Protein backbone atom coordinates (compact mmCIF):
# COMPACT_ATOMS: atom_id res chain seq x y z
CA MET A 1 -26.86 141.95 30.99
CA LEU A 2 -27.78 145.22 32.73
CA LEU A 3 -31.44 144.23 32.54
CA ILE A 4 -30.77 140.92 34.29
CA LYS A 5 -28.79 142.66 37.04
CA GLN A 6 -31.65 145.11 37.48
CA LEU A 7 -34.12 142.24 37.80
CA LEU A 8 -31.84 140.56 40.35
CA TYR A 9 -31.72 143.80 42.33
CA GLN A 10 -35.51 144.05 42.12
CA ASN A 11 -35.80 140.50 43.47
CA TYR A 12 -33.41 141.47 46.26
CA GLN A 13 -35.77 144.30 47.20
CA PHE A 14 -38.75 141.95 47.05
CA ASN A 15 -36.86 139.61 49.37
CA LYS A 16 -36.24 142.43 51.85
CA GLU A 17 -39.93 143.28 51.83
CA LEU A 18 -40.79 139.60 52.36
CA ASP A 19 -38.52 139.62 55.42
CA ASN A 20 -40.59 142.51 56.81
CA ILE A 21 -43.78 140.56 56.03
CA LYS A 22 -42.37 137.53 57.86
CA GLN A 23 -41.77 139.67 60.96
CA ALA A 24 -45.34 140.95 60.75
CA ILE A 25 -46.61 137.37 60.42
CA ASP A 26 -44.65 136.37 63.52
CA GLU A 27 -46.16 139.30 65.45
CA LEU A 28 -49.65 138.32 64.26
CA ASP A 29 -49.02 134.73 65.31
CA HIS A 30 -48.17 135.93 68.81
CA ALA A 31 -51.22 138.21 68.86
CA ALA A 32 -53.48 135.39 67.67
CA ARG A 33 -52.37 133.22 70.58
CA THR A 34 -53.03 135.90 73.19
CA SER A 35 -55.96 138.02 72.02
CA THR A 36 -58.52 138.67 69.30
CA LYS A 37 -58.16 142.43 69.05
CA THR A 38 -59.68 144.17 66.06
CA GLN A 39 -56.39 145.86 65.21
CA SER A 40 -54.67 142.47 64.79
CA LEU A 41 -57.48 141.24 62.57
CA LYS A 42 -57.21 144.33 60.37
CA GLN A 43 -53.46 143.90 60.17
CA ALA A 44 -53.90 140.25 59.14
CA THR A 45 -56.33 141.30 56.40
CA ASP A 46 -53.97 143.99 55.11
CA LEU A 47 -51.05 141.56 55.16
CA MET A 48 -53.04 138.96 53.23
CA LYS A 49 -53.94 141.59 50.64
CA THR A 50 -50.25 142.53 50.30
CA LEU A 51 -49.29 138.88 49.82
CA VAL A 52 -51.95 138.42 47.17
CA TYR A 53 -50.56 141.42 45.27
CA PHE A 54 -47.04 140.05 45.66
CA ASN A 55 -48.15 136.64 44.44
CA HIS A 56 -49.78 138.03 41.30
CA THR A 57 -46.82 140.30 40.62
CA MET A 58 -44.41 137.38 40.93
CA ASN A 59 -46.54 135.17 38.67
CA ASP A 60 -46.59 137.86 35.99
CA GLN A 61 -42.90 138.55 36.44
CA THR A 62 -42.05 134.84 36.20
CA THR A 63 -43.73 134.64 32.81
CA SER A 64 -41.84 137.71 31.62
CA ILE A 65 -38.51 136.47 32.97
CA ASN A 66 -38.95 133.07 31.33
CA SER A 67 -39.57 134.73 27.97
CA LEU A 68 -36.69 137.13 28.47
CA THR A 69 -34.19 134.46 29.51
CA LYS A 70 -35.23 132.31 26.58
CA PHE A 71 -34.55 135.24 24.26
CA PHE A 72 -31.16 135.96 25.89
CA LYS A 73 -30.12 132.32 25.67
CA GLU A 74 -31.06 132.13 21.98
CA GLN A 75 -29.15 135.31 21.18
CA HIS A 76 -26.21 134.49 23.49
CA LEU A 77 -26.52 137.98 24.96
CA ALA A 78 -26.15 137.25 28.68
CA ASP A 79 -24.07 135.26 31.08
CA SER A 80 -25.83 131.96 31.87
CA ILE A 81 -24.84 132.23 35.57
CA LEU A 82 -26.78 135.48 35.90
CA ILE A 83 -29.78 133.95 34.16
CA ILE A 84 -29.71 130.94 36.47
CA ASP A 85 -29.41 133.25 39.50
CA LEU A 86 -32.38 135.24 38.27
CA ILE A 87 -34.54 132.17 37.70
CA LEU A 88 -33.62 130.67 41.08
CA SER A 89 -34.23 133.97 42.82
CA GLN A 90 -37.63 134.22 41.19
CA GLN A 91 -38.53 130.66 42.20
CA ARG A 92 -37.43 131.22 45.81
CA ILE A 93 -39.49 134.38 46.13
CA THR A 94 -42.56 132.74 44.62
CA LYS A 95 -42.23 129.77 47.00
CA GLN A 96 -41.67 132.11 49.95
CA ILE A 97 -44.85 134.02 49.12
CA LYS A 98 -46.86 130.80 49.01
CA VAL A 99 -45.44 129.69 52.36
CA TYR A 100 -46.24 133.07 53.93
CA ARG A 101 -49.78 132.97 52.57
CA ASP A 102 -50.26 129.51 54.07
CA LEU A 103 -48.91 130.74 57.40
CA LEU A 104 -51.21 133.74 57.34
CA GLU A 105 -54.21 131.56 56.49
CA SER A 106 -53.44 129.33 59.48
CA ILE A 107 -53.15 132.41 61.71
CA ASN A 108 -56.51 133.65 60.41
CA GLY A 109 -57.93 130.23 61.26
CA LEU A 110 -56.52 130.57 64.76
CA PHE A 111 -58.14 134.01 65.11
CA SER A 112 -61.47 132.52 64.03
CA ALA A 113 -61.18 129.61 66.44
CA MET A 114 -60.30 131.94 69.33
CA MET A 115 -63.25 134.21 68.56
CA ASP A 116 -65.58 131.21 68.30
CA ASN A 117 -64.35 129.98 71.68
CA HIS A 118 -64.92 133.40 73.28
CA LEU A 119 -68.37 133.60 71.74
CA ASN A 120 -69.27 130.11 72.98
CA ASN A 121 -68.22 131.02 76.53
CA LEU A 122 -70.22 134.24 76.35
CA MET A 123 -73.29 132.38 75.14
CA LYS A 124 -72.97 129.83 77.97
CA TYR A 125 -72.81 132.68 80.48
CA LEU A 126 -75.81 134.46 78.96
CA ASP A 127 -77.82 131.23 78.87
CA SER A 128 -77.05 130.67 82.55
CA VAL A 129 -78.14 134.20 83.44
CA ALA A 130 -81.35 133.78 81.43
CA LEU A 131 -82.09 130.51 83.23
CA ILE A 132 -81.54 132.10 86.65
CA ILE A 133 -83.80 135.03 85.80
CA SER A 134 -86.51 132.82 84.32
CA ILE A 135 -87.02 130.77 87.50
CA PRO A 136 -88.46 133.61 89.65
CA ALA A 137 -90.36 134.89 86.60
CA LEU A 138 -92.03 131.50 86.18
CA ILE A 139 -92.96 131.24 89.85
CA SER A 140 -94.35 134.76 90.03
CA SER A 141 -96.32 134.29 86.82
CA ILE A 142 -97.95 131.12 88.14
CA TRP A 143 -98.92 132.82 91.42
CA GLY A 144 -100.14 135.83 89.52
CA MET A 145 -102.89 133.88 87.75
CA ASN A 146 -106.46 134.75 88.62
CA VAL A 147 -107.53 131.24 89.53
CA GLY A 148 -108.55 129.81 92.88
CA GLY A 149 -106.65 127.38 95.06
CA LEU A 150 -103.24 129.03 95.04
CA PRO A 151 -101.37 128.80 98.35
CA GLY A 152 -100.87 132.14 100.14
CA LYS A 153 -103.82 133.82 98.46
CA GLU A 154 -105.49 134.80 101.73
CA ASN A 155 -102.26 135.34 103.69
CA LYS A 156 -101.04 138.94 104.07
CA PHE A 157 -97.42 137.70 103.66
CA GLY A 158 -98.23 135.61 100.56
CA PHE A 159 -96.51 138.04 98.19
CA LEU A 160 -93.37 138.01 100.36
CA TRP A 161 -93.37 134.18 100.50
CA VAL A 162 -93.64 133.88 96.72
CA LEU A 163 -90.89 136.45 96.28
CA LEU A 164 -88.58 134.66 98.74
CA PHE A 165 -89.36 131.26 97.20
CA GLY A 166 -88.46 132.50 93.70
CA LEU A 167 -85.32 134.22 94.99
CA ALA A 168 -84.23 131.10 96.88
CA LEU A 169 -84.64 128.91 93.78
CA ALA A 170 -82.71 131.46 91.69
CA ILE A 171 -79.85 131.48 94.23
CA ILE A 172 -79.76 127.68 94.39
CA SER A 173 -79.69 127.41 90.59
CA SER A 174 -76.96 130.05 90.36
CA PHE A 175 -74.79 128.08 92.83
CA PHE A 176 -75.40 124.92 90.82
CA LEU A 177 -74.53 126.61 87.51
CA ARG A 178 -71.46 128.26 89.02
CA ARG A 179 -70.06 124.88 90.08
CA LYS A 180 -70.59 123.47 86.60
CA ASN A 181 -67.47 123.63 84.46
CA TYR A 182 -68.44 124.46 80.87
CA LEU A 183 -64.86 124.64 79.59
CA LYS A 184 -64.36 120.86 79.44
């Protein structure tokens, strides 16, 4: 009987710790919706590791408790109410752990989706910058060829005209790309 009460007390302590884990999951959920900070990702990983340990501990403990309660019932050594309380407590904790793991996995998925979205926006920006820079580079490379017939070759302001032409096209393309909404 004392052993069953001790196991019930142990489950009570597990339940208290699961309440703390639930608060941490709620904080991570809020963090996942607002930012993708490294600290939050580390905390999510640590919390998932803790839940995995809890899950394995509860699975092992469930097997032990089932064997123990079977023995107590056969020997008529314990109050059946306490045994039922212990079994129900164990089942609730095991279910709670599974629910919390599912919640944490969905939060990790949200973190991944947010990071993917940020990365996509960054790549769109970098592609736009590369396109703007490549326009004057293309124009200057064409005019820099050592072939005849290029306009401005004999003009003393030819270099300046090529430079202004490339800069004008870069500015026009940057205005065009700025007006484009990539977030749709």
